[in-house]
Amino acid sequence: GVSNQLCAVDPPVLQVPDYAEPGKGELNYDLNNKAFTINTPLSASYTLRIRYPNGNVKVVQGDYTPNNAGLILPELVLPMEFFAAGDYSATVFGTNPEGDGQVSEPCIFTIVDENAANLEWPAEGFVPADAANILVAGGADNYMVNFSWPVLSAAQSYNIVVINSAGAVVARANDLIRNTWQAKLPAPKDFNSYAWWVEAVAANQRAVSFTWGFNLIKKTLAPLLNAVTADDTGVILNFAAYGENLALVSYEVQYFSVDPVNIKNSKWYNFMIPGDVPLDAVNPPADHPTRGRLDLELPVNSKAGDFILLRAFYNGKQQGNFVLYSVQ
């Protein structure tokens, strides 16, 4: 017969794999393909440590991705390109729940610069770059500006100079080994403009970089302008995404229309009452417009090469002094 009595059944034993510490890492760098080959047995993740020719160290950490079968294969090819010439050294080790594995033997390789004997500056890689606007919070007495520039493999050191709009040197440093530097500059009352350049120094060569400009601007409720462009008898103000109420922004304007044929025929147009020059948003995003139009109703069309002085107001309250812009 069949008994209705339940029988006790032992549950199956779970097959949980035992972990062991990761094996010793293996690391190679392919100069042609510009990629590392990483192998850290029995690992779930890896830590790659790279020492650059200037002594800086970069640490890259990553997890291995399971394949379609759900297995983790603790090896990968990691593309990474290096631009500064010199000798590099890198190591790698793996990690799993039991701990860290043994560090690999150093992988040493050399990046050769065909122009290593020459001091030649590239056009990019300078920070702050030309026309950069840096906002400074109200109430600050000074502001720390971070500078960086491209590495020249032939340079033994760098000199840097910062000048203000009057041409006076406000900060400088010599014999810098690294391509970064900081300078504490006085906070602006409204707006301060600066220029800077770097000189690369080798045993028998010196090369001066381009001159770059940046502005320190006191943070206000008015939009931060990046550029002013001509638009019929008015102008378009291009600014960083603006989160305040644009309808409360107005400007006091002085516009200089340049006659390129005879400069004596150039003329100033003044709009001294802020309420006379409202700012209308141009195709704005929902809450952060990036352009606004000033309808100046000039008797002539605005054009690239003209100049405009702007003093911003927010809800009728002045937000700094006049700032001069070249119309584009």
C-alpha atoms as a PDB file:
ATOM      1  CA  GLY A   1       0.000   0.000   0.000  1.00  0.00           C
ATOM      2  CA  VAL A   2       0.934   3.676  -0.031  1.00  0.00           C
ATOM      3  CA  SER A   3       1.700   5.394   3.245  1.00  0.00           C
ATOM      4  CA  ASN A   4       0.630   8.997   3.752  1.00  0.00           C
ATOM      5  CA  GLN A   5       3.456   9.507   6.236  1.00  0.00           C
ATOM      6  CA  LEU A   6       6.026  12.075   5.128  1.00  0.00           C
ATOM      7  CA  CYS A   7       9.592  10.901   4.848  1.00  0.00           C
ATOM      8  CA  ALA A   8      12.551  13.022   5.906  1.00  0.00           C
ATOM      9  CA  VAL A   9      14.932  13.785   3.053  1.00  0.00           C
ATOM     10  CA  ASP A  10      18.431  15.180   3.578  1.00  0.00           C
ATOM     11  CA  PRO A  11      19.049  18.380   1.556  1.00  0.00           C
ATOM     12  CA  PRO A  12      21.753  18.245  -1.111  1.00  0.00           C
ATOM     13  CA  VAL A  13      25.174  19.395  -0.109  1.00  0.00           C
ATOM     14  CA  LEU A  14      26.052  22.777  -1.683  1.00  0.00           C
ATOM     15  CA  GLN A  15      29.214  22.606  -3.768  1.00  0.00           C
ATOM     16  CA  VAL A  16      31.013  25.808  -2.783  1.00  0.00           C
ATOM     17  CA  PRO A  17      34.456  26.145  -4.324  1.00  0.00           C
ATOM     18  CA  ASP A  18      37.375  26.779  -2.016  1.00  0.00           C
ATOM     19  CA  TYR A  19      39.277  30.009  -2.608  1.00  0.00           C
ATOM     20  CA  ALA A  20      43.025  30.216  -2.635  1.00  0.00           C
ATOM     21  CA  GLU A  21      45.040  33.385  -2.756  1.00  0.00           C
ATOM     22  CA  PRO A  22      45.634  34.687  -6.290  1.00  0.00           C
ATOM     23  CA  GLY A  23      48.720  33.541  -8.116  1.00  0.00           C
ATOM     24  CA  LYS A  24      51.622  35.768  -9.077  1.00  0.00           C
ATOM     25  CA  GLY A  25      50.723  38.425 -11.625  1.00  0.00           C
ATOM     26  CA  GLU A  26      52.115  38.543 -15.143  1.00  0.00           C
ATOM     27  CA  LEU A  27      52.388  41.783 -17.108  1.00  0.00           C
ATOM     28  CA  ASN A  28      53.622  42.819 -20.568  1.00  0.00           C
ATOM     29  CA  TYR A  29      53.320  46.000 -22.634  1.00  0.00           C
ATOM     30  CA  ASP A  30      53.075  45.911 -26.452  1.00  0.00           C
ATOM     31  CA  LEU A  31      54.664  49.074 -27.867  1.00  0.00           C
ATOM     32  CA  ASN A  32      53.162  48.514 -31.316  1.00  0.00           C
ATOM     33  CA  ASN A  33      49.587  47.913 -30.197  1.00  0.00           C
ATOM     34  CA  LYS A  34      49.899  50.278 -27.208  1.00  0.00           C
ATOM     35  CA  ALA A  35      48.304  47.867 -24.747  1.00  0.00           C
ATOM     36  CA  PHE A  36      49.052  45.922 -21.567  1.00  0.00           C
ATOM     37  CA  THR A  37      48.483  42.169 -21.328  1.00  0.00           C
ATOM     38  CA  ILE A  38      47.446  41.364 -17.756  1.00  0.00           C
ATOM     39  CA  ASN A  39      47.230  37.901 -16.176  1.00  0.00           C
ATOM     40  CA  THR A  40      46.532  37.413 -12.447  1.00  0.00           C
ATOM     41  CA  PRO A  41      45.482  33.770 -11.805  1.00  0.00           C
ATOM     42  CA  LEU A  42      42.510  33.033  -9.482  1.00  0.00           C
ATOM     43  CA  SER A  43      41.633  36.730  -9.256  1.00  0.00           C
ATOM     44  CA  ALA A  44      38.367  38.647  -9.403  1.00  0.00           C
ATOM     45  CA  SER A  45      40.078  42.026  -9.901  1.00  0.00           C
ATOM     46  CA  TYR A  46      43.480  43.518 -10.617  1.00  0.00           C
ATOM     47  CA  THR A  47      45.559  46.519  -9.576  1.00  0.00           C
ATOM     48  CA  LEU A  48      47.971  47.990 -12.133  1.00  0.00           C
ATOM     49  CA  ARG A  49      50.659  50.419 -10.911  1.00  0.00           C
ATOM     50  CA  ILE A  50      52.538  52.542 -13.474  1.00  0.00           C
ATOM     51  CA  ARG A  51      55.546  54.754 -12.734  1.00  0.00           C
ATOM     52  CA  TYR A  52      56.069  57.561 -15.284  1.00  0.00           C
ATOM     53  CA  PRO A  53      59.433  59.011 -16.355  1.00  0.00           C
ATOM     54  CA  ASN A  54      58.891  62.090 -14.143  1.00  0.00           C
ATOM     55  CA  GLY A  55      58.318  59.894 -11.073  1.00  0.00           C
ATOM     56  CA  ASN A  56      54.528  60.238 -10.956  1.00  0.00           C
ATOM     57  CA  VAL A  57      52.627  57.039 -10.192  1.00  0.00           C
ATOM     58  CA  LYS A  58      49.257  56.085 -11.651  1.00  0.00           C
ATOM     59  CA  VAL A  59      47.156  53.284 -10.168  1.00  0.00           C
ATOM     60  CA  VAL A  60      44.497  51.568 -12.300  1.00  0.00           C
ATOM     61  CA  GLN A  61      42.069  49.146 -10.679  1.00  0.00           C
ATOM     62  CA  GLY A  62      39.553  46.989 -12.520  1.00  0.00           C
ATOM     63  CA  ASP A  63      37.284  43.959 -12.228  1.00  0.00           C
ATOM     64  CA  TYR A  64      37.357  41.015 -14.598  1.00  0.00           C
ATOM     65  CA  THR A  65      34.117  40.540 -16.526  1.00  0.00           C
ATOM     66  CA  PRO A  66      32.509  37.066 -16.511  1.00  0.00           C
ATOM     67  CA  ASN A  67      32.158  35.406 -19.930  1.00  0.00           C
ATOM     68  CA  ASN A  68      28.926  33.989 -21.408  1.00  0.00           C
ATOM     69  CA  ALA A  69      29.300  30.864 -19.279  1.00  0.00           C
ATOM     70  CA  GLY A  70      29.570  32.944 -16.116  1.00  0.00           C
ATOM     71  CA  LEU A  71      33.250  32.159 -15.646  1.00  0.00           C
ATOM     72  CA  ILE A  72      35.766  34.828 -14.691  1.00  0.00           C
ATOM     73  CA  LEU A  73      38.916  34.621 -16.785  1.00  0.00           C
ATOM     74  CA  PRO A  74      41.576  36.598 -14.906  1.00  0.00           C
ATOM     75  CA  GLU A  75      43.358  37.946 -17.967  1.00  0.00           C
ATOM     76  CA  LEU A  76      42.745  40.812 -20.365  1.00  0.00           C
ATOM     77  CA  VAL A  77      44.278  43.205 -22.878  1.00  0.00           C
ATOM     78  CA  LEU A  78      44.124  46.794 -21.582  1.00  0.00           C
ATOM     79  CA  PRO A  79      44.768  49.488 -24.232  1.00  0.00           C
ATOM     80  CA  MET A  80      46.786  52.413 -22.871  1.00  0.00           C
ATOM     81  CA  GLU A  81      48.841  54.954 -24.807  1.00  0.00           C
ATOM     82  CA  PHE A  82      51.748  56.972 -23.411  1.00  0.00           C
ATOM     83  CA  PHE A  83      52.938  60.245 -24.945  1.00  0.00           C
ATOM     84  CA  ALA A  84      55.816  61.493 -22.809  1.00  0.00           C
ATOM     85  CA  ALA A  85      59.125  60.011 -23.861  1.00  0.00           C
ATOM     86  CA  GLY A  86      61.179  58.118 -21.278  1.00  0.00           C
ATOM     87  CA  ASP A  87      61.389  54.921 -19.252  1.00  0.00           C
ATOM     88  CA  TYR A  88      58.256  53.460 -17.684  1.00  0.00           C
ATOM     89  CA  SER A  89      57.876  50.722 -15.077  1.00  0.00           C
ATOM     90  CA  ALA A  90      54.647  48.852 -14.271  1.00  0.00           C
ATOM     91  CA  THR A  91      53.528  46.017 -11.997  1.00  0.00           C
ATOM     92  CA  VAL A  92      50.233  44.206 -11.423  1.00  0.00           C
ATOM     93  CA  PHE A  93      48.665  41.956  -8.791  1.00  0.00           C
ATOM     94  CA  GLY A  94      45.303  40.240  -8.447  1.00  0.00           C
ATOM     95  CA  THR A  95      42.750  40.203  -5.631  1.00  0.00           C
ATOM     96  CA  ASN A  96      40.014  37.787  -4.539  1.00  0.00           C
ATOM     97  CA  PRO A  97      38.119  37.254  -1.234  1.00  0.00           C
ATOM     98  CA  GLU A  98      41.195  35.546   0.241  1.00  0.00           C
ATOM     99  CA  GLY A  99      43.379  38.603  -0.276  1.00  0.00           C
ATOM    100  CA  ASP A 100      45.970  40.024  -2.661  1.00  0.00           C
ATOM    101  CA  GLY A 101      48.215  37.940  -4.862  1.00  0.00           C
ATOM    102  CA  GLN A 102      51.936  38.289  -5.388  1.00  0.00           C
ATOM    103  CA  VAL A 103      53.048  41.321  -7.369  1.00  0.00           C
ATOM    104  CA  SER A 104      54.352  40.645 -10.870  1.00  0.00           C
ATOM    105  CA  GLU A 105      57.908  41.242 -11.975  1.00  0.00           C
ATOM    106  CA  PRO A 106      58.382  44.861 -13.158  1.00  0.00           C
ATOM    107  CA  CYS A 107      57.403  45.444 -16.781  1.00  0.00           C
ATOM    108  CA  ILE A 108      59.881  48.049 -18.055  1.00  0.00           C
ATOM    109  CA  PHE A 109      59.479  49.754 -21.422  1.00  0.00           C
ATOM    110  CA  THR A 110      60.656  52.936 -23.133  1.00  0.00           C
ATOM    111  CA  ILE A 111      58.661  55.465 -25.143  1.00  0.00           C
ATOM    112  CA  VAL A 112      60.839  57.124 -27.786  1.00  0.00           C
ATOM    113  CA  ASP A 113      60.092  60.646 -29.021  1.00  0.00           C
ATOM    114  CA  GLU A 114      61.440  61.257 -32.513  1.00  0.00           C
ATOM    115  CA  ASN A 115      61.600  64.979 -31.703  1.00  0.00           C
ATOM    116  CA  ALA A 116      63.060  64.467 -28.251  1.00  0.00           C
ATOM    117  CA  ALA A 117      66.090  66.573 -29.048  1.00  0.00           C
ATOM    118  CA  ASN A 118      63.961  69.638 -29.859  1.00  0.00           C
ATOM    119  CA  LEU A 119      61.963  71.957 -27.613  1.00  0.00           C
ATOM    120  CA  GLU A 120      58.736  72.532 -29.543  1.00  0.00           C
ATOM    121  CA  TRP A 121      55.444  73.459 -27.876  1.00  0.00           C
ATOM    122  CA  PRO A 122      52.168  71.927 -29.098  1.00  0.00           C
ATOM    123  CA  ALA A 123      49.116  74.178 -29.434  1.00  0.00           C
ATOM    124  CA  GLU A 124      46.975  72.214 -26.986  1.00  0.00           C
ATOM    125  CA  GLY A 125      47.220  71.027 -23.409  1.00  0.00           C
ATOM    126  CA  PHE A 126      47.477  74.371 -21.578  1.00  0.00           C
ATOM    127  CA  VAL A 127      45.184  74.957 -18.573  1.00  0.00           C
ATOM    128  CA  PRO A 128      43.673  77.444 -18.009  1.00  0.00           C
ATOM    129  CA  ALA A 129      43.279  77.889 -21.750  1.00  0.00           C
ATOM    130  CA  ASP A 130      42.727  81.112 -23.642  1.00  0.00           C
ATOM    131  CA  ALA A 131      39.498  82.985 -22.732  1.00  0.00           C
ATOM    132  CA  ALA A 132      38.847  80.759 -19.700  1.00  0.00           C
ATOM    133  CA  ASN A 133      36.544  82.367 -17.139  1.00  0.00           C
ATOM    134  CA  ILE A 134      37.037  81.351 -13.502  1.00  0.00           C
ATOM    135  CA  LEU A 135      34.289  82.233 -11.027  1.00  0.00           C
ATOM    136  CA  VAL A 136      35.359  83.365  -7.559  1.00  0.00           C
ATOM    137  CA  ALA A 137      32.883  83.271  -4.677  1.00  0.00           C
ATOM    138  CA  GLY A 138      31.991  86.595  -3.085  1.00  0.00           C
ATOM    139  CA  GLY A 139      33.896  87.447   0.083  1.00  0.00           C
ATOM    140  CA  ALA A 140      37.073  85.585  -0.916  1.00  0.00           C
ATOM    141  CA  ASP A 141      40.352  87.504  -0.543  1.00  0.00           C
ATOM    142  CA  ASN A 142      42.309  85.346  -2.979  1.00  0.00           C
ATOM    143  CA  TYR A 143      41.902  82.403  -5.293  1.00  0.00           C
ATOM    144  CA  MET A 144      44.239  79.477  -6.004  1.00  0.00           C
ATOM    145  CA  VAL A 145      44.620  78.980  -9.758  1.00  0.00           C
ATOM    146  CA  ASN A 146      45.892  75.632 -11.039  1.00  0.00           C
ATOM    147  CA  PHE A 147      48.166  75.707 -14.087  1.00  0.00           C
ATOM    148  CA  SER A 148      49.279  72.797 -16.249  1.00  0.00           C
ATOM    149  CA  TRP A 149      50.990  72.467 -19.621  1.00  0.00           C
ATOM    150  CA  PRO A 150      52.182  69.729 -22.009  1.00  0.00           C
ATOM    151  CA  VAL A 151      55.257  67.707 -21.095  1.00  0.00           C
ATOM    152  CA  LEU A 152      58.231  68.330 -23.365  1.00  0.00           C
ATOM    153  CA  SER A 153      60.470  65.290 -23.185  1.00  0.00           C
ATOM    154  CA  ALA A 154      63.594  67.313 -23.953  1.00  0.00           C
ATOM    155  CA  ALA A 155      62.909  69.874 -21.203  1.00  0.00           C
ATOM    156  CA  GLN A 156      64.928  69.658 -18.016  1.00  0.00           C
ATOM    157  CA  SER A 157      62.818  72.263 -16.198  1.00  0.00           C
ATOM    158  CA  TYR A 158      60.146  74.918 -16.713  1.00  0.00           C
ATOM    159  CA  ASN A 159      59.755  78.601 -15.832  1.00  0.00           C
ATOM    160  CA  ILE A 160      56.286  80.187 -15.643  1.00  0.00           C
ATOM    161  CA  VAL A 161      55.192  83.836 -15.566  1.00  0.00           C
ATOM    162  CA  VAL A 162      51.734  85.329 -14.826  1.00  0.00           C
ATOM    163  CA  ILE A 163      50.974  89.003 -15.523  1.00  0.00           C
ATOM    164  CA  ASN A 164      47.887  91.131 -14.925  1.00  0.00           C
ATOM    165  CA  SER A 165      46.100  93.388 -17.423  1.00  0.00           C
ATOM    166  CA  ALA A 166      48.525  96.229 -16.639  1.00  0.00           C
ATOM    167  CA  GLY A 167      51.498  94.071 -17.619  1.00  0.00           C
ATOM    168  CA  ALA A 168      52.831  93.683 -14.071  1.00  0.00           C
ATOM    169  CA  VAL A 169      54.165  90.287 -12.975  1.00  0.00           C
ATOM    170  CA  VAL A 170      51.876  88.942 -10.233  1.00  0.00           C
ATOM    171  CA  ALA A 171      53.291  85.416  -9.922  1.00  0.00           C
ATOM    172  CA  ARG A 172      56.226  83.450 -11.276  1.00  0.00           C
ATOM    173  CA  ALA A 173      58.269  80.315 -10.636  1.00  0.00           C
ATOM    174  CA  ASN A 174      61.555  78.953 -11.960  1.00  0.00           C
ATOM    175  CA  ASP A 175      63.179  75.533 -12.280  1.00  0.00           C
ATOM    176  CA  LEU A 176      59.929  73.577 -12.007  1.00  0.00           C
ATOM    177  CA  ILE A 177      60.412  69.856 -12.588  1.00  0.00           C
ATOM    178  CA  ARG A 178      56.745  68.963 -13.013  1.00  0.00           C
ATOM    179  CA  ASN A 179      54.289  70.323 -15.583  1.00  0.00           C
ATOM    180  CA  THR A 180      51.851  71.614 -12.942  1.00  0.00           C
ATOM    181  CA  TRP A 181      51.882  74.631 -10.644  1.00  0.00           C
ATOM    182  CA  GLN A 182      49.593  76.667  -8.392  1.00  0.00           C
ATOM    183  CA  ALA A 183      49.468  80.426  -7.844  1.00  0.00           C
ATOM    184  CA  LYS A 184      47.428  82.366  -5.276  1.00  0.00           C
ATOM    185  CA  LEU A 185      46.015  85.437  -7.021  1.00  0.00           C
ATOM    186  CA  PRO A 186      44.014  88.284  -5.464  1.00  0.00           C
ATOM    187  CA  ALA A 187      40.258  87.853  -5.733  1.00  0.00           C
ATOM    188  CA  PRO A 188      38.657  90.355  -8.097  1.00  0.00           C
ATOM    189  CA  LYS A 189      36.409  93.167  -6.977  1.00  0.00           C
ATOM    190  CA  ASP A 190      34.475  92.479 -10.147  1.00  0.00           C
ATOM    191  CA  PHE A 191      36.741  91.237 -12.942  1.00  0.00           C
ATOM    192  CA  ASN A 192      40.493  90.615 -13.260  1.00  0.00           C
ATOM    193  CA  SER A 193      42.244  89.588 -16.467  1.00  0.00           C
ATOM    194  CA  TYR A 194      45.577  87.718 -16.608  1.00  0.00           C
ATOM    195  CA  ALA A 195      48.032  86.331 -19.158  1.00  0.00           C
ATOM    196  CA  TRP A 196      50.610  83.567 -18.666  1.00  0.00           C
ATOM    197  CA  TRP A 197      53.261  81.597 -20.502  1.00  0.00           C
ATOM    198  CA  VAL A 198      55.800  78.854 -19.852  1.00  0.00           C
ATOM    199  CA  GLU A 199      59.455  78.629 -20.813  1.00  0.00           C
ATOM    200  CA  ALA A 200      60.916  75.165 -21.336  1.00  0.00           C
ATOM    201  CA  VAL A 201      64.607  74.907 -20.459  1.00  0.00           C
ATOM    202  CA  ALA A 202      67.156  72.358 -21.699  1.00  0.00           C
ATOM    203  CA  ALA A 203      70.939  72.306 -21.530  1.00  0.00           C
ATOM    204  CA  ASN A 204      71.399  74.534 -24.574  1.00  0.00           C
ATOM    205  CA  GLN A 205      67.828  75.439 -25.553  1.00  0.00           C
ATOM    206  CA  ARG A 206      64.972  77.594 -24.330  1.00  0.00           C
ATOM    207  CA  ALA A 207      61.492  77.673 -25.817  1.00  0.00           C
ATOM    208  CA  VAL A 208      58.719  80.086 -24.791  1.00  0.00           C
ATOM    209  CA  SER A 209      55.151  78.829 -25.173  1.00  0.00           C
ATOM    210  CA  PHE A 210      52.158  80.660 -26.548  1.00  0.00           C
ATOM    211  CA  THR A 211      50.662  83.337 -24.293  1.00  0.00           C
ATOM    212  CA  TRP A 212      47.369  82.286 -22.738  1.00  0.00           C
ATOM    213  CA  GLY A 213      44.725  84.431 -21.052  1.00  0.00           C
ATOM    214  CA  PHE A 214      42.141  83.831 -18.354  1.00  0.00           C
ATOM    215  CA  ASN A 215      39.774  85.893 -16.234  1.00  0.00           C
ATOM    216  CA  LEU A 216      38.908  85.818 -12.552  1.00  0.00           C
ATOM    217  CA  ILE A 217      35.297  86.940 -12.200  1.00  0.00           C
ATOM    218  CA  LYS A 218      33.389  87.641  -9.007  1.00  0.00           C
ATOM    219  CA  LYS A 219      30.353  85.380  -8.915  1.00  0.00           C
ATOM    220  CA  THR A 220      27.108  87.348  -9.261  1.00  0.00           C
ATOM    221  CA  LEU A 221      23.447  86.681 -10.035  1.00  0.00           C
ATOM    222  CA  ALA A 222      23.978  87.775 -13.637  1.00  0.00           C
ATOM    223  CA  PRO A 223      24.927  85.285 -16.389  1.00  0.00           C
ATOM    224  CA  LEU A 224      28.609  84.581 -17.040  1.00  0.00           C
ATOM    225  CA  LEU A 225      29.272  85.722 -20.618  1.00  0.00           C
ATOM    226  CA  ASN A 226      31.487  83.684 -22.943  1.00  0.00           C
ATOM    227  CA  ALA A 227      31.051  85.842 -26.060  1.00  0.00           C
ATOM    228  CA  VAL A 228      28.959  88.575 -27.680  1.00  0.00           C
ATOM    229  CA  THR A 229      27.884  88.109 -31.313  1.00  0.00           C
ATOM    230  CA  ALA A 230      26.333  90.543 -33.785  1.00  0.00           C
ATOM    231  CA  ASP A 231      22.628  90.157 -34.596  1.00  0.00           C
ATOM    232  CA  ASP A 232      20.925  92.750 -36.825  1.00  0.00           C
ATOM    233  CA  THR A 233      20.458  95.928 -34.737  1.00  0.00           C
ATOM    234  CA  GLY A 234      21.108  94.055 -31.476  1.00  0.00           C
ATOM    235  CA  VAL A 235      23.524  91.490 -30.073  1.00  0.00           C
ATOM    236  CA  ILE A 236      23.385  87.903 -28.855  1.00  0.00           C
ATOM    237  CA  LEU A 237      24.909  87.194 -25.455  1.00  0.00           C
ATOM    238  CA  ASN A 238      26.373  83.691 -25.198  1.00  0.00           C
ATOM    239  CA  PHE A 239      26.732  82.506 -21.640  1.00  0.00           C
ATOM    240  CA  ALA A 240      27.181  79.407 -19.531  1.00  0.00           C
ATOM    241  CA  ALA A 241      23.981  77.527 -18.707  1.00  0.00           C
ATOM    242  CA  TYR A 242      22.070  79.925 -16.455  1.00  0.00           C
ATOM    243  CA  GLY A 243      19.845  78.778 -13.613  1.00  0.00           C
ATOM    244  CA  GLU A 244      18.499  82.115 -12.323  1.00  0.00           C
ATOM    245  CA  ASN A 245      15.470  84.027 -13.609  1.00  0.00           C
ATOM    246  CA  LEU A 246      16.578  85.505 -16.930  1.00  0.00           C
ATOM    247  CA  ALA A 247      13.595  87.890 -16.939  1.00  0.00           C
ATOM    248  CA  LEU A 248      15.169  89.735 -13.988  1.00  0.00           C
ATOM    249  CA  VAL A 249      18.444  90.376 -15.857  1.00  0.00           C
ATOM    250  CA  SER A 250      19.018  93.673 -17.668  1.00  0.00           C
ATOM    251  CA  TYR A 251      22.057  95.632 -18.845  1.00  0.00           C
ATOM    252  CA  GLU A 252      23.443  99.088 -19.039  1.00  0.00           C
ATOM    253  CA  VAL A 253      25.097  99.277 -22.451  1.00  0.00           C
ATOM    254  CA  GLN A 254      27.629 101.391 -24.284  1.00  0.00           C
ATOM    255  CA  TYR A 255      28.126 100.269 -27.892  1.00  0.00           C
ATOM    256  CA  PHE A 256      30.993 101.334 -30.138  1.00  0.00           C
ATOM    257  CA  SER A 257      30.291 100.932 -33.864  1.00  0.00           C
ATOM    258  CA  VAL A 258      33.574 100.782 -35.764  1.00  0.00           C
ATOM    259  CA  ASP A 259      33.909 102.290 -39.228  1.00  0.00           C
ATOM    260  CA  PRO A 260      36.648 100.138 -40.831  1.00  0.00           C
ATOM    261  CA  VAL A 261      37.175 102.643 -43.663  1.00  0.00           C
ATOM    262  CA  ASN A 262      37.580 105.758 -41.544  1.00  0.00           C
ATOM    263  CA  ILE A 263      37.985 105.234 -37.800  1.00  0.00           C
ATOM    264  CA  LYS A 264      37.040 108.890 -37.233  1.00  0.00           C
ATOM    265  CA  ASN A 265      33.499 108.027 -38.310  1.00  0.00           C
ATOM    266  CA  SER A 266      33.153 105.370 -35.597  1.00  0.00           C
ATOM    267  CA  LYS A 267      30.496 106.180 -33.027  1.00  0.00           C
ATOM    268  CA  TRP A 268      29.423 105.408 -29.455  1.00  0.00           C
ATOM    269  CA  TYR A 269      25.786 104.579 -28.677  1.00  0.00           C
ATOM    270  CA  ASN A 270      24.761 104.720 -25.020  1.00  0.00           C
ATOM    271  CA  PHE A 271      21.849 102.983 -23.332  1.00  0.00           C
ATOM    272  CA  MET A 272      22.167 104.223 -19.788  1.00  0.00           C
ATOM    273  CA  ILE A 273      18.903 103.010 -18.229  1.00  0.00           C
ATOM    274  CA  PRO A 274      18.982  99.247 -17.509  1.00  0.00           C
ATOM    275  CA  GLY A 275      15.246  98.851 -18.011  1.00  0.00           C
ATOM    276  CA  ASP A 276      15.576 100.129 -21.593  1.00  0.00           C
ATOM    277  CA  VAL A 277      17.604  97.081 -22.660  1.00  0.00           C
ATOM    278  CA  PRO A 278      15.771  93.891 -21.629  1.00  0.00           C
ATOM    279  CA  LEU A 279      17.353  90.497 -22.153  1.00  0.00           C
ATOM    280  CA  ASP A 280      15.222  88.007 -24.065  1.00  0.00           C
ATOM    281  CA  ALA A 281      16.073  84.302 -24.058  1.00  0.00           C
ATOM    282  CA  VAL A 282      16.911  82.798 -27.473  1.00  0.00           C
ATOM    283  CA  ASN A 283      15.679  79.212 -27.972  1.00  0.00           C
ATOM    284  CA  PRO A 284      16.336  78.465 -24.292  1.00  0.00           C
ATOM    285  CA  PRO A 285      16.399  75.044 -22.668  1.00  0.00           C
ATOM    286  CA  ALA A 286      13.636  74.524 -20.141  1.00  0.00           C
ATOM    287  CA  ASP A 287      15.467  75.951 -17.133  1.00  0.00           C
ATOM    288  CA  HIS A 288      19.082  76.716 -18.130  1.00  0.00           C
ATOM    289  CA  PRO A 289      19.204  79.056 -21.153  1.00  0.00           C
ATOM    290  CA  THR A 290      22.564  79.561 -22.854  1.00  0.00           C
ATOM    291  CA  ARG A 291      21.806  82.566 -25.103  1.00  0.00           C
ATOM    292  CA  GLY A 292      20.001  85.853 -24.741  1.00  0.00           C
ATOM    293  CA  ARG A 293      19.340  88.762 -27.122  1.00  0.00           C
ATOM    294  CA  LEU A 294      19.702  92.454 -26.364  1.00  0.00           C
ATOM    295  CA  ASP A 295      17.517  94.453 -28.761  1.00  0.00           C
ATOM    296  CA  LEU A 296      19.508  97.684 -28.892  1.00  0.00           C
ATOM    297  CA  GLU A 297      17.608  99.124 -31.887  1.00  0.00           C
ATOM    298  CA  LEU A 298      20.854 100.536 -33.209  1.00  0.00           C
ATOM    299  CA  PRO A 299      20.573 102.910 -36.191  1.00  0.00           C
ATOM    300  CA  VAL A 300      23.170 100.659 -37.877  1.00  0.00           C
ATOM    301  CA  ASN A 301      23.634  96.889 -37.908  1.00  0.00           C
ATOM    302  CA  SER A 302      25.972  95.444 -35.321  1.00  0.00           C
ATOM    303  CA  LYS A 303      28.979  93.628 -36.792  1.00  0.00           C
ATOM    304  CA  ALA A 304      32.080  91.663 -35.899  1.00  0.00           C
ATOM    305  CA  GLY A 305      34.870  94.025 -34.860  1.00  0.00           C
ATOM    306  CA  ASP A 306      32.636  96.416 -32.921  1.00  0.00           C
ATOM    307  CA  PHE A 307      32.954  96.765 -29.130  1.00  0.00           C
ATOM    308  CA  ILE A 308      30.382  96.734 -26.343  1.00  0.00           C
ATOM    309  CA  LEU A 309      30.546  97.697 -22.671  1.00  0.00           C
ATOM    310  CA  LEU A 310      28.076  95.819 -20.467  1.00  0.00           C
ATOM    311  CA  ARG A 311      27.117  96.342 -16.831  1.00  0.00           C
ATOM    312  CA  ALA A 312      24.664  93.759 -15.542  1.00  0.00           C
ATOM    313  CA  PHE A 313      21.719  94.264 -13.191  1.00  0.00           C
ATOM    314  CA  TYR A 314      19.630  91.603 -11.446  1.00  0.00           C
ATOM    315  CA  ASN A 315      16.190  92.653 -10.252  1.00  0.00           C
ATOM    316  CA  GLY A 316      17.396  96.242 -10.528  1.00  0.00           C
ATOM    317  CA  LYS A 317      20.538  95.700  -8.418  1.00  0.00           C
ATOM    318  CA  GLN A 318      23.931  96.306 -10.006  1.00  0.00           C
ATOM    319  CA  GLN A 319      26.087  93.161 -10.429  1.00  0.00           C
ATOM    320  CA  GLY A 320      29.575  94.559 -10.899  1.00  0.00           C
ATOM    321  CA  ASN A 321      31.098  97.212 -13.149  1.00  0.00           C
ATOM    322  CA  PHE A 322      31.359  97.591 -16.915  1.00  0.00           C
ATOM    323  CA  VAL A 323      33.136  94.812 -18.821  1.00  0.00           C
ATOM    324  CA  LEU A 324      34.381  95.365 -22.382  1.00  0.00           C
ATOM    325  CA  TYR A 325      33.728  92.695 -25.042  1.00  0.00           C
ATOM    326  CA  SER A 326      34.751  92.484 -28.677  1.00  0.00           C
ATOM    327  CA  VAL A 327      31.718  91.715 -30.847  1.00  0.00           C
ATOM    328  CA  GLN A 328      32.125  88.570 -32.935  1.00  0.00           C
END
